[in-house]
PDB file of N, CA and C in Angstrom:
ATOM      1  N   MET A   1     110.456  94.819  61.161  1.00  0.00           N
ATOM      2  CA  MET A   1     109.673  93.222  61.595  1.00  0.00           C
ATOM      3  C   MET A   1     110.060  93.200  63.292  1.00  0.00           C
ATOM      4  N   GLU A   2     111.375  93.364  63.473  1.00  0.00           N
ATOM      5  CA  GLU A   2     111.440  93.447  64.929  1.00  0.00           C
ATOM      6  C   GLU A   2     110.539  93.949  66.003  1.00  0.00           C
ATOM      7  N   GLY A   3     110.293  95.185  65.446  1.00  0.00           N
ATOM      8  CA  GLY A   3     109.525  96.212  66.145  1.00  0.00           C
ATOM      9  C   GLY A   3     108.349  95.811  66.608  1.00  0.00           C
ATOM     10  N   ILE A   4     107.744  94.897  66.118  1.00  0.00           N
ATOM     11  CA  ILE A   4     106.098  94.427  66.313  1.00  0.00           C
ATOM     12  C   ILE A   4     106.541  93.665  67.531  1.00  0.00           C
ATOM     13  N   PHE A   5     107.400  92.608  67.597  1.00  0.00           N
ATOM     14  CA  PHE A   5     107.389  92.148  69.153  1.00  0.00           C
ATOM     15  C   PHE A   5     107.041  92.238  70.172  1.00  0.00           C
ATOM     16  N   VAL A   6     107.557  93.572  70.565  1.00  0.00           N
ATOM     17  CA  VAL A   6     107.091  94.625  71.521  1.00  0.00           C
ATOM     18  C   VAL A   6     106.017  94.628  72.060  1.00  0.00           C
ATOM     19  N   PRO A   7     105.410  95.430  71.456  1.00  0.00           N
ATOM     20  CA  PRO A   7     103.830  95.369  71.447  1.00  0.00           C
ATOM     21  C   PRO A   7     102.988  94.698  71.684  1.00  0.00           C
ATOM     22  N   ILE A   8     103.576  93.527  70.733  1.00  0.00           N
ATOM     23  CA  ILE A   8     102.854  92.122  70.927  1.00  0.00           C
ATOM     24  C   ILE A   8     102.899  91.665  72.245  1.00  0.00           C
ATOM     25  N   GLY A   9     104.001  91.527  72.489  1.00  0.00           N
ATOM     26  CA  GLY A   9     104.592  90.791  73.883  1.00  0.00           C
ATOM     27  C   GLY A   9     103.376  91.850  75.183  1.00  0.00           C
ATOM     28  N   PHE A  10     103.757  92.776  75.169  1.00  0.00           N
ATOM     29  CA  PHE A  10     103.211  93.832  75.936  1.00  0.00           C
ATOM     30  C   PHE A  10     101.549  93.436  76.171  1.00  0.00           C
ATOM     31  N   PHE A  11     100.921  93.395  74.975  1.00  0.00           N
ATOM     32  CA  PHE A  11      99.664  93.092  75.219  1.00  0.00           C
ATOM     33  C   PHE A  11      98.948  91.653  75.498  1.00  0.00           C
ATOM     34  N   LEU A  12      99.816  90.730  75.152  1.00  0.00           N
ATOM     35  CA  LEU A  12     100.096  89.153  75.658  1.00  0.00           C
ATOM     36  C   LEU A  12     100.571  89.277  77.217  1.00  0.00           C
ATOM     37  N   ALA A  13     101.457  89.986  77.864  1.00  0.00           N
ATOM     38  CA  ALA A  13     101.427  89.857  79.336  1.00  0.00           C
ATOM     39  C   ALA A  13     100.304  90.683  79.658  1.00  0.00           C
ATOM     40  N   LEU A  14      99.285  91.621  79.128  1.00  0.00           N
ATOM     41  CA  LEU A  14      98.364  92.312  79.908  1.00  0.00           C
ATOM     42  C   LEU A  14      97.358  91.639  80.054  1.00  0.00           C
ATOM     43  N   PHE A  15      97.238  90.612  78.957  1.00  0.00           N
ATOM     44  CA  PHE A  15      95.827  89.750  78.671  1.00  0.00           C
ATOM     45  C   PHE A  15      96.248  88.758  79.872  1.00  0.00           C
ATOM     46  N   ALA A  16      97.737  88.518  79.832  1.00  0.00           N
ATOM     47  CA  ALA A  16      97.721  87.110  80.809  1.00  0.00           C
ATOM     48  C   ALA A  16      97.239  87.396  82.320  1.00  0.00           C
ATOM     49  N   ILE A  17      97.767  88.721  82.645  1.00  0.00           N
ATOM     50  CA  ILE A  17      97.789  89.018  83.784  1.00  0.00           C
ATOM     51  C   ILE A  17      96.073  89.363  84.301  1.00  0.00           C
ATOM     52  N   LEU A  18      95.375  89.987  83.183  1.00  0.00           N
ATOM     53  CA  LEU A  18      94.244  90.219  83.413  1.00  0.00           C
ATOM     54  C   LEU A  18      92.925  88.979  83.118  1.00  0.00           C
ATOM     55  N   TYR A  19      93.435  88.382  82.788  1.00  0.00           N
ATOM     56  CA  TYR A  19      92.969  86.980  82.842  1.00  0.00           C
ATOM     57  C   TYR A  19      93.011  86.069  84.472  1.00  0.00           C
ATOM     58  N   VAL A  20      94.360  86.100  84.477  1.00  0.00           N
ATOM     59  CA  VAL A  20      94.711  85.252  85.620  1.00  0.00           C
ATOM     60  C   VAL A  20      93.704  86.148  86.972  1.00  0.00           C
ATOM     61  N   TYR A  21      93.997  87.344  86.808  1.00  0.00           N
ATOM     62  CA  TYR A  21      93.168  88.282  87.832  1.00  0.00           C
ATOM     63  C   TYR A  21      91.633  87.516  88.319  1.00  0.00           C
ATOM     64  N   TRP A  22      90.940  87.640  86.694  1.00  0.00           N
ATOM     65  CA  TRP A  22      89.164  87.527  86.814  1.00  0.00           C
ATOM     66  C   TRP A  22      89.182  86.359  87.027  1.00  0.00           C
ATOM     67  N   THR A  23      89.702  85.297  86.388  1.00  0.00           N
ATOM     68  CA  THR A  23      89.724  83.378  86.764  1.00  0.00           C
ATOM     69  C   THR A  23      89.904  83.205  88.482  1.00  0.00           C
ATOM     70  N   THR A  24      91.161  83.950  89.050  1.00  0.00           N
ATOM     71  CA  THR A  24      90.984  83.847  90.574  1.00  0.00           C
ATOM     72  C   THR A  24      90.056  84.456  91.218  1.00  0.00           C
ATOM     73  N   ARG A  25      89.643  85.967  90.993  1.00  0.00           N
ATOM     74  CA  ARG A  25      87.996  86.499  91.719  1.00  0.00           C
ATOM     75  C   ARG A  25      87.220  85.555  91.559  1.00  0.00           C
ATOM     76  N   THR A  26      87.115  85.220  90.286  1.00  0.00           N
ATOM     77  CA  THR A  26      85.940  84.130  90.197  1.00  0.00           C
ATOM     78  C   THR A  26      85.967  82.945  91.653  1.00  0.00           C
ATOM     79  N   LYS A  27      86.890  82.485  90.837  1.00  0.00           N
ATOM     80  CA  LYS A  27      87.000  81.274  91.743  1.00  0.00           C
ATOM     81  C   LYS A  27      86.869  81.592  93.490  1.00  0.00           C
ATOM     82  N   GLU A  28      87.512  82.294  93.936  1.00  0.00           N
ATOM     83  CA  GLU A  28      87.779  83.203  95.275  1.00  0.00           C
ATOM     84  C   GLU A  28      85.841  83.054  95.440  1.00  0.00           C
ATOM     85  N   ARG A  29      85.184  83.869  94.746  1.00  0.00           N
ATOM     86  CA  ARG A  29      83.858  84.050  94.839  1.00  0.00           C
ATOM     87  C   ARG A  29      83.175  82.614  95.038  1.00  0.00           C
ATOM     88  N   LEU A  30      83.244  81.822  94.043  1.00  0.00           N
ATOM     89  CA  LEU A  30      82.207  80.492  93.963  1.00  0.00           C
ATOM     90  C   LEU A  30      82.501  79.591  95.231  1.00  0.00           C
ATOM     91  N   ALA A  31      84.205  79.834  95.900  1.00  0.00           N
ATOM     92  CA  ALA A  31      84.210  79.323  96.921  1.00  0.00           C
ATOM     93  C   ALA A  31      83.627  80.018  98.134  1.00  0.00           C
ATOM     94  N   LEU A  32      83.714  81.349  98.377  1.00  0.00           N
ATOM     95  CA  LEU A  32      82.332  82.083  99.575  1.00  0.00           C
ATOM     96  C   LEU A  32      80.767  80.872  99.036  1.00  0.00           C
ATOM     97  N   ILE A  33      80.648  81.152  97.714  1.00  0.00           N
ATOM     98  CA  ILE A  33      79.115  80.796  97.794  1.00  0.00           C
ATOM     99  C   ILE A  33      78.992  79.201  98.217  1.00  0.00           C
ATOM    100  N   GLU A  34      80.352  78.334  97.834  1.00  0.00           N
ATOM    101  CA  GLU A  34      79.699  76.949  98.183  1.00  0.00           C
ATOM    102  C   GLU A  34      79.806  76.855 100.265  1.00  0.00           C
ATOM    103  N   LYS A  35      80.751  77.681 100.076  1.00  0.00           N
ATOM    104  CA  LYS A  35      80.699  77.846 101.725  1.00  0.00           C
ATOM    105  C   LYS A  35      79.304  78.526 102.338  1.00  0.00           C
ATOM    106  N   GLY A  36      78.577  78.972 101.858  1.00  0.00           N
ATOM    107  CA  GLY A  36      77.440  79.936 102.447  1.00  0.00           C
ATOM    108  C   GLY A  36      77.535  80.961 102.533  1.00  0.00           C
ATOM    109  N   MET A  37      79.030  81.791 102.553  1.00  0.00           N
ATOM    110  CA  MET A  37      79.131  83.297 102.694  1.00  0.00           C
ATOM    111  C   MET A  37      78.604  84.167 101.579  1.00  0.00           C
ATOM    112  N   ASP A  38      78.785  85.411 101.877  1.00  0.00           N
ATOM    113  CA  ASP A  38      77.990  86.224 101.266  1.00  0.00           C
ATOM    114  C   ASP A  38      79.450  86.824 100.111  1.00  0.00           C
ATOM    115  N   ALA A  39      79.177  86.831  98.915  1.00  0.00           N
ATOM    116  CA  ALA A  39      80.090  87.336  98.602  1.00  0.00           C
ATOM    117  C   ALA A  39      80.148  88.467  97.926  1.00  0.00           C
ATOM    118  N   GLY A  40      79.618  89.362  98.959  1.00  0.00           N
ATOM    119  CA  GLY A  40      79.130  90.575  98.216  1.00  0.00           C
ATOM    120  C   GLY A  40      80.267  91.504  99.212  1.00  0.00           C
ATOM    121  N   ILE A  41      81.469  91.020  99.763  1.00  0.00           N
ATOM    122  CA  ILE A  41      82.254  91.633 100.212  1.00  0.00           C
ATOM    123  C   ILE A  41      83.187  92.080  99.147  1.00  0.00           C
ATOM    124  N   PHE A  42      83.188  91.830  98.180  1.00  0.00           N
ATOM    125  CA  PHE A  42      84.012  92.416  96.905  1.00  0.00           C
ATOM    126  C   PHE A  42      83.528  93.219  96.322  1.00  0.00           C
ATOM    127  N   LYS A  43      82.515  93.830  96.290  1.00  0.00           N
ATOM    128  CA  LYS A  43      81.919  95.221  95.979  1.00  0.00           C
ATOM    129  C   LYS A  43      82.184  96.259  97.021  1.00  0.00           C
ATOM    130  N   GLY A  44      82.766  97.055  96.093  1.00  0.00           N
ATOM    131  CA  GLY A  44      83.633  98.122  96.817  1.00  0.00           C
ATOM    132  C   GLY A  44      82.790  99.432  96.492  1.00  0.00           C
ATOM    133  N   GLU A  45      82.340 100.117  97.606  1.00  0.00           N
ATOM    134  CA  GLU A  45      81.618 101.397  96.858  1.00  0.00           C
ATOM    135  C   GLU A  45      82.491 102.558  96.723  1.00  0.00           C
ATOM    136  N   CYS A  46      82.074 103.036  95.583  1.00  0.00           N
ATOM    137  CA  CYS A  46      82.998 104.840  95.308  1.00  0.00           C
ATOM    138  C   CYS A  46      82.335 105.544  96.462  1.00  0.00           C
ATOM    139  N   SER A  47      82.857 106.327  97.184  1.00  0.00           N
ATOM    140  CA  SER A  47      82.397 107.325  98.464  1.00  0.00           C
ATOM    141  C   SER A  47      83.085 108.437  97.775  1.00  0.00           C
ATOM    142  N   GLN A  48      82.019 109.302  98.143  1.00  0.00           N
ATOM    143  CA  GLN A  48      82.244 110.902  97.919  1.00  0.00           C
ATOM    144  C   GLN A  48      84.019 111.150  97.902  1.00  0.00           C
ATOM    145  N   TYR A  49      84.731 110.603  98.826  1.00  0.00           N
ATOM    146  CA  TYR A  49      85.866 111.455  99.351  1.00  0.00           C
ATOM    147  C   TYR A  49      87.030 110.358  98.642  1.00  0.00           C
ATOM    148  N   ALA A  50      86.450 109.245  97.971  1.00  0.00           N
ATOM    149  CA  ALA A  50      87.553 108.695  96.616  1.00  0.00           C
ATOM    150  C   ALA A  50      87.492 109.497  95.532  1.00  0.00           C
ATOM    151  N   LEU A  51      86.159 110.277  95.647  1.00  0.00           N
ATOM    152  CA  LEU A  51      85.774 111.381  94.127  1.00  0.00           C
ATOM    153  C   LEU A  51      87.006 112.653  94.302  1.00  0.00           C
ATOM    154  N   VAL A  52      86.957 112.670  95.424  1.00  0.00           N
ATOM    155  CA  VAL A  52      87.392 113.926  96.304  1.00  0.00           C
ATOM    156  C   VAL A  52      89.092 113.982  95.660  1.00  0.00           C
ATOM    157  N   LYS A  53      89.661 112.878  96.326  1.00  0.00           N
ATOM    158  CA  LYS A  53      91.005 112.266  96.405  1.00  0.00           C
ATOM    159  C   LYS A  53      91.285 112.330  94.618  1.00  0.00           C
ATOM    160  N   TRP A  54      90.547 111.383  93.849  1.00  0.00           N
ATOM    161  CA  TRP A  54      91.225 111.494  92.508  1.00  0.00           C
ATOM    162  C   TRP A  54      90.987 113.186  91.884  1.00  0.00           C
ATOM    163  N   GLY A  55      89.759 113.559  91.938  1.00  0.00           N
ATOM    164  CA  GLY A  55      90.064 114.704  91.410  1.00  0.00           C
ATOM    165  C   GLY A  55      91.245 115.875  91.843  1.00  0.00           C
ATOM    166  N   ILE A  56      91.154 115.975  93.036  1.00  0.00           N
ATOM    167  CA  ILE A  56      92.596 116.949  93.537  1.00  0.00           C
ATOM    168  C   ILE A  56      93.679 116.127  92.881  1.00  0.00           C
ATOM    169  N   PHE A  57      93.981 114.392  92.591  1.00  0.00           N
ATOM    170  CA  PHE A  57      95.555 114.347  92.229  1.00  0.00           C
ATOM    171  C   PHE A  57      95.318 114.290  90.662  1.00  0.00           C
ATOM    172  N   LEU A  58      94.301 114.478  90.037  1.00  0.00           N
ATOM    173  CA  LEU A  58      94.731 114.555  88.846  1.00  0.00           C
ATOM    174  C   LEU A  58      94.831 115.886  88.342  1.00  0.00           C
ATOM    175  N   ILE A  59      94.098 116.661  88.873  1.00  0.00           N
ATOM    176  CA  ILE A  59      94.553 118.326  88.953  1.00  0.00           C
ATOM    177  C   ILE A  59      96.114 118.532  89.267  1.00  0.00           C
ATOM    178  N   ALA A  60      96.633 118.100  90.212  1.00  0.00           N
ATOM    179  CA  ALA A  60      97.924 118.174  90.413  1.00  0.00           C
ATOM    180  C   ALA A  60      98.698 117.927  89.442  1.00  0.00           C
ATOM    181  N   LEU A  61      98.268 116.782  88.798  1.00  0.00           N
ATOM    182  CA  LEU A  61      99.302 116.133  87.947  1.00  0.00           C
ATOM    183  C   LEU A  61      99.435 116.957  86.742  1.00  0.00           C
ATOM    184  N   GLY A  62      97.903 117.378  86.090  1.00  0.00           N
ATOM    185  CA  GLY A  62      98.013 118.462  85.161  1.00  0.00           C
ATOM    186  C   GLY A  62      98.715 119.787  85.536  1.00  0.00           C
ATOM    187  N   LEU A  63      98.556 120.055  86.761  1.00  0.00           N
ATOM    188  CA  LEU A  63      99.305 121.031  87.370  1.00  0.00           C
ATOM    189  C   LEU A  63     101.209 120.532  87.041  1.00  0.00           C
ATOM    190  N   GLY A  64     101.353 119.788  87.204  1.00  0.00           N
ATOM    191  CA  GLY A  64     102.527 119.123  87.450  1.00  0.00           C
ATOM    192  C   GLY A  64     103.224 119.086  85.625  1.00  0.00           C
ATOM    193  N   VAL A  65     102.546 118.892  84.557  1.00  0.00           N
ATOM    194  CA  VAL A  65     102.815 118.613  83.435  1.00  0.00           C
ATOM    195  C   VAL A  65     103.089 120.256  82.918  1.00  0.00           C
ATOM    196  N   VAL A  66     102.313 121.115  83.564  1.00  0.00           N
ATOM    197  CA  VAL A  66     102.569 122.436  83.284  1.00  0.00           C
ATOM    198  C   VAL A  66     103.893 122.889  84.039  1.00  0.00           C
ATOM    199  N   ALA A  67     103.836 122.564  84.957  1.00  0.00           N
ATOM    200  CA  ALA A  67     105.284 122.806  85.714  1.00  0.00           C
ATOM    201  C   ALA A  67     106.445 122.205  84.842  1.00  0.00           C
ATOM    202  N   GLY A  68     106.460 120.928  84.711  1.00  0.00           N
ATOM    203  CA  GLY A  68     107.763 120.314  84.064  1.00  0.00           C
ATOM    204  C   GLY A  68     107.672 121.329  82.453  1.00  0.00           C
ATOM    205  N   SER A  69     106.874 121.546  82.006  1.00  0.00           N
ATOM    206  CA  SER A  69     106.888 122.414  80.774  1.00  0.00           C
ATOM    207  C   SER A  69     107.808 123.270  81.048  1.00  0.00           C
ATOM    208  N   LEU A  70     107.384 124.311  82.214  1.00  0.00           N
ATOM    209  CA  LEU A  70     107.932 125.285  82.462  1.00  0.00           C
ATOM    210  C   LEU A  70     109.650 124.953  82.917  1.00  0.00           C
ATOM    211  N   LEU A  71     109.496 124.396  84.038  1.00  0.00           N
ATOM    212  CA  LEU A  71     111.213 123.679  83.996  1.00  0.00           C
ATOM    213  C   LEU A  71     111.880 123.143  82.742  1.00  0.00           C
ATOM    214  N   ALA A  72     111.594 122.502  81.808  1.00  0.00           N
ATOM    215  CA  ALA A  72     112.062 121.635  80.777  1.00  0.00           C
ATOM    216  C   ALA A  72     113.092 123.074  80.075  1.00  0.00           C
ATOM    217  N   GLY A  73     112.732 124.647  80.194  1.00  0.00           N
ATOM    218  CA  GLY A  73     113.847 125.277  79.765  1.00  0.00           C
ATOM    219  C   GLY A  73     115.280 125.529  80.514  1.00  0.00           C
ATOM    220  N   VAL A  74     115.216 124.764  81.521  1.00  0.00           N
ATOM    221  CA  VAL A  74     115.649 124.998  82.850  1.00  0.00           C
ATOM    222  C   VAL A  74     116.665 123.554  83.051  1.00  0.00           C
ATOM    223  N   ILE A  75     116.347 122.735  82.992  1.00  0.00           N
ATOM    224  CA  ILE A  75     116.833 121.246  83.035  1.00  0.00           C
ATOM    225  C   ILE A  75     116.597 120.703  82.189  1.00  0.00           C
ATOM    226  N   GLU A  76     116.946 119.270  82.123  1.00  0.00           N
ATOM    227  CA  GLU A  76     116.798 118.103  80.664  1.00  0.00           C
ATOM    228  C   GLU A  76     115.330 117.982  80.999  1.00  0.00           C
ATOM    229  N   ASP A  77     114.497 117.522  79.583  1.00  0.00           N
ATOM    230  CA  ASP A  77     113.514 117.321  79.285  1.00  0.00           C
ATOM    231  C   ASP A  77     112.844 116.459  80.418  1.00  0.00           C
ATOM    232  N   VAL A  78     113.197 115.479  80.319  1.00  0.00           N
ATOM    233  CA  VAL A  78     112.694 114.190  81.064  1.00  0.00           C
ATOM    234  C   VAL A  78     112.494 114.278  82.133  1.00  0.00           C
ATOM    235  N   VAL A  79     114.012 114.681  82.651  1.00  0.00           N
ATOM    236  CA  VAL A  79     114.174 115.234  84.237  1.00  0.00           C
ATOM    237  C   VAL A  79     112.828 116.216  84.627  1.00  0.00           C
ATOM    238  N   ALA A  80     112.755 117.072  84.045  1.00  0.00           N
ATOM    239  CA  ALA A  80     111.982 118.250  84.335  1.00  0.00           C
ATOM    240  C   ALA A  80     110.641 118.092  84.648  1.00  0.00           C
ATOM    241  N   TYR A  81     109.654 116.828  83.361  1.00  0.00           N
ATOM    242  CA  TYR A  81     108.172 116.350  83.612  1.00  0.00           C
ATOM    243  C   TYR A  81     108.523 115.262  84.790  1.00  0.00           C
ATOM    244  N   PHE A  82     109.547 114.617  85.030  1.00  0.00           N
ATOM    245  CA  PHE A  82     108.961 113.542  86.062  1.00  0.00           C
ATOM    246  C   PHE A  82     109.019 114.191  86.928  1.00  0.00           C
ATOM    247  N   THR A  83     110.263 115.081  87.487  1.00  0.00           N
ATOM    248  CA  THR A  83     110.153 115.844  88.630  1.00  0.00           C
ATOM    249  C   THR A  83     109.080 116.488  88.790  1.00  0.00           C
ATOM    250  N   ALA A  84     108.762 117.228  88.065  1.00  0.00           N
ATOM    251  CA  ALA A  84     107.499 118.293  88.636  1.00  0.00           C
ATOM    252  C   ALA A  84     105.816 117.060  88.330  1.00  0.00           C
ATOM    253  N   ILE A  85     105.784 116.239  88.040  1.00  0.00           N
ATOM    254  CA  ILE A  85     104.585 115.311  87.726  1.00  0.00           C
ATOM    255  C   ILE A  85     104.607 114.702  89.077  1.00  0.00           C
ATOM    256  N   LEU A  86     105.686 114.094  89.467  1.00  0.00           N
ATOM    257  CA  LEU A  86     105.804 113.402  91.062  1.00  0.00           C
ATOM    258  C   LEU A  86     105.989 114.036  91.835  1.00  0.00           C
ATOM    259  N   VAL A  87     106.261 115.331  91.950  1.00  0.00           N
ATOM    260  CA  VAL A  87     106.228 116.210  93.301  1.00  0.00           C
ATOM    261  C   VAL A  87     104.358 116.949  93.364  1.00  0.00           C
ATOM    262  N   CYS A  88     104.126 117.679  92.263  1.00  0.00           N
ATOM    263  CA  CYS A  88     103.230 117.816  92.063  1.00  0.00           C
ATOM    264  C   CYS A  88     101.438 117.064  92.980  1.00  0.00           C
ATOM    265  N   GLY A  89     102.098 115.664  92.086  1.00  0.00           N
ATOM    266  CA  GLY A  89     101.299 114.479  92.311  1.00  0.00           C
ATOM    267  C   GLY A  89     101.282 114.063  94.024  1.00  0.00           C
ATOM    268  N   GLY A  90     102.637 114.304  94.898  1.00  0.00           N
ATOM    269  CA  GLY A  90     102.524 113.986  95.990  1.00  0.00           C
ATOM    270  C   GLY A  90     102.196 114.760  97.084  1.00  0.00           C
ATOM    271  N   VAL A  91     102.224 116.200  96.341  1.00  0.00           N
ATOM    272  CA  VAL A  91     101.302 117.562  97.003  1.00  0.00           C
ATOM    273  C   VAL A  91      99.916 117.473  96.706  1.00  0.00           C
ATOM    274  N   GLY A  92      99.625 116.915  95.693  1.00  0.00           N
ATOM    275  CA  GLY A  92      97.939 117.069  95.308  1.00  0.00           C
ATOM    276  C   GLY A  92      97.475 115.859  96.010  1.00  0.00           C
ATOM    277  N   LEU A  93      98.386 114.220  96.621  1.00  0.00           N
ATOM    278  CA  LEU A  93      97.449 113.533  97.495  1.00  0.00           C
ATOM    279  C   LEU A  93      97.516 114.238  99.399  1.00  0.00           C
ATOM    280  N   ILE A  94      98.523 114.815  99.403  1.00  0.00           N
ATOM    281  CA  ILE A  94      98.265 115.196 100.658  1.00  0.00           C
ATOM    282  C   ILE A  94      97.770 116.629 100.975  1.00  0.00           C
ATOM    283  N   VAL A  95      97.229 117.411  99.748  1.00  0.00           N
ATOM    284  CA  VAL A  95      96.129 118.276  99.851  1.00  0.00           C
ATOM    285  C   VAL A  95      94.922 117.262 100.082  1.00  0.00           C
ATOM    286  N   ALA A  96      94.513 116.404  99.003  1.00  0.00           N
ATOM    287  CA  ALA A  96      93.258 115.649  99.023  1.00  0.00           C
ATOM    288  C   ALA A  96      93.223 114.795 100.670  1.00  0.00           C
ATOM    289  N   TYR A  97      94.332 114.412 101.267  1.00  0.00           N
ATOM    290  CA  TYR A  97      94.226 113.706 102.535  1.00  0.00           C
ATOM    291  C   TYR A  97      93.688 114.554 103.589  1.00  0.00           C
ATOM    292  N   LEU A  98      94.223 116.314 103.808  1.00  0.00           N
ATOM    293  CA  LEU A  98      94.039 117.639 104.769  1.00  0.00           C
ATOM    294  C   LEU A  98      92.364 117.269 103.830  1.00  0.00           C
ATOM    295  N   VAL A  99      91.757 117.989 102.907  1.00  0.00           N
ATOM    296  CA  VAL A  99      90.486 118.204 102.299  1.00  0.00           C
ATOM    297  C   VAL A  99      89.403 116.934 102.960  1.00  0.00           C
ATOM    298  N   THR A 100      90.138 115.874 102.589  1.00  0.00           N
ATOM    299  CA  THR A 100      88.944 114.578 103.196  1.00  0.00           C
ATOM    300  C   THR A 100      88.660 114.766 104.353  1.00  0.00           C
ATOM    301  N   SER A 101      90.080 114.942 105.269  1.00  0.00           N
ATOM    302  CA  SER A 101      89.787 114.693 106.805  1.00  0.00           C
ATOM    303  C   SER A 101      89.017 116.053 107.221  1.00  0.00           C
ATOM    304  N   LYS A 102      89.148 117.333 106.519  1.00  0.00           N
ATOM    305  CA  LYS A 102      88.069 118.376 107.264  1.00  0.00           C
ATOM    306  C   LYS A 102      86.602 118.296 106.650  1.00  0.00           C
ATOM    307  N   LEU A 103      86.576 117.059 105.852  1.00  0.00           N
ATOM    308  CA  LEU A 103      84.940 116.956 105.117  1.00  0.00           C
ATOM    309  C   LEU A 103      84.541 115.939 105.923  1.00  0.00           C
ATOM    310  N   MET A 104      85.349 114.745 106.575  1.00  0.00           N
ATOM    311  CA  MET A 104      85.194 113.688 107.596  1.00  0.00           C
ATOM    312  C   MET A 104      84.295 114.405 108.973  1.00  0.00           C
ATOM    313  N   GLU A 105      85.443 115.227 109.312  1.00  0.00           N
ATOM    314  CA  GLU A 105      85.457 116.001 110.541  1.00  0.00           C
ATOM    315  C   GLU A 105      83.940 116.496 110.931  1.00  0.00           C
ATOM    316  N   LYS A 106      83.324 117.473 109.230  1.00  0.00           N
ATOM    317  CA  LYS A 106      82.138 118.140 109.178  1.00  0.00           C
ATOM    318  C   LYS A 106      81.124 117.062 109.238  1.00  0.00           C
ATOM    319  N   LYS A 107      81.304 116.357 109.188  1.00  0.00           N
ATOM    320  CA  LYS A 107      80.185 114.794 108.518  1.00  0.00           C
ATOM    321  C   LYS A 107      79.698 114.045 109.554  1.00  0.00           C
ATOM    322  N   ARG A 108      80.906 114.387 110.993  1.00  0.00           N
ATOM    323  CA  ARG A 108      80.969 113.241 112.208  1.00  0.00           C
ATOM    324  C   ARG A 108      80.247 114.450 113.230  1.00  0.00           C
ATOM    325  N   ALA A 109      80.290 115.823 112.683  1.00  0.00           N
ATOM    326  CA  ALA A 109      79.981 116.631 113.865  1.00  0.00           C
ATOM    327  C   ALA A 109      78.444 117.566 113.630  1.00  0.00           C
TER     328      ALA A 109
END
């Protein structure tokens, strides 16, 4: 019976955080509209560079899971998975930065 309190508490906390976020965002937008300003500043456009970054990052995380399973035979399971995922994720972000920088240079030229 006690094991049910943790998931219930987690979902209540998640609901509370999302509720506060959305109500605050709504109040900020209404305040901007009342002042006569454009509330469109909150609309973020998803650029192709962000999609490339997320794609490379998620591929690197997948490779990290594979590398973690290979390392699990050598070191502890949990350490192997976390280390491989974090290292591959970091390398993926660096690769994504380099790729998007090259794409931006090509677009400017």
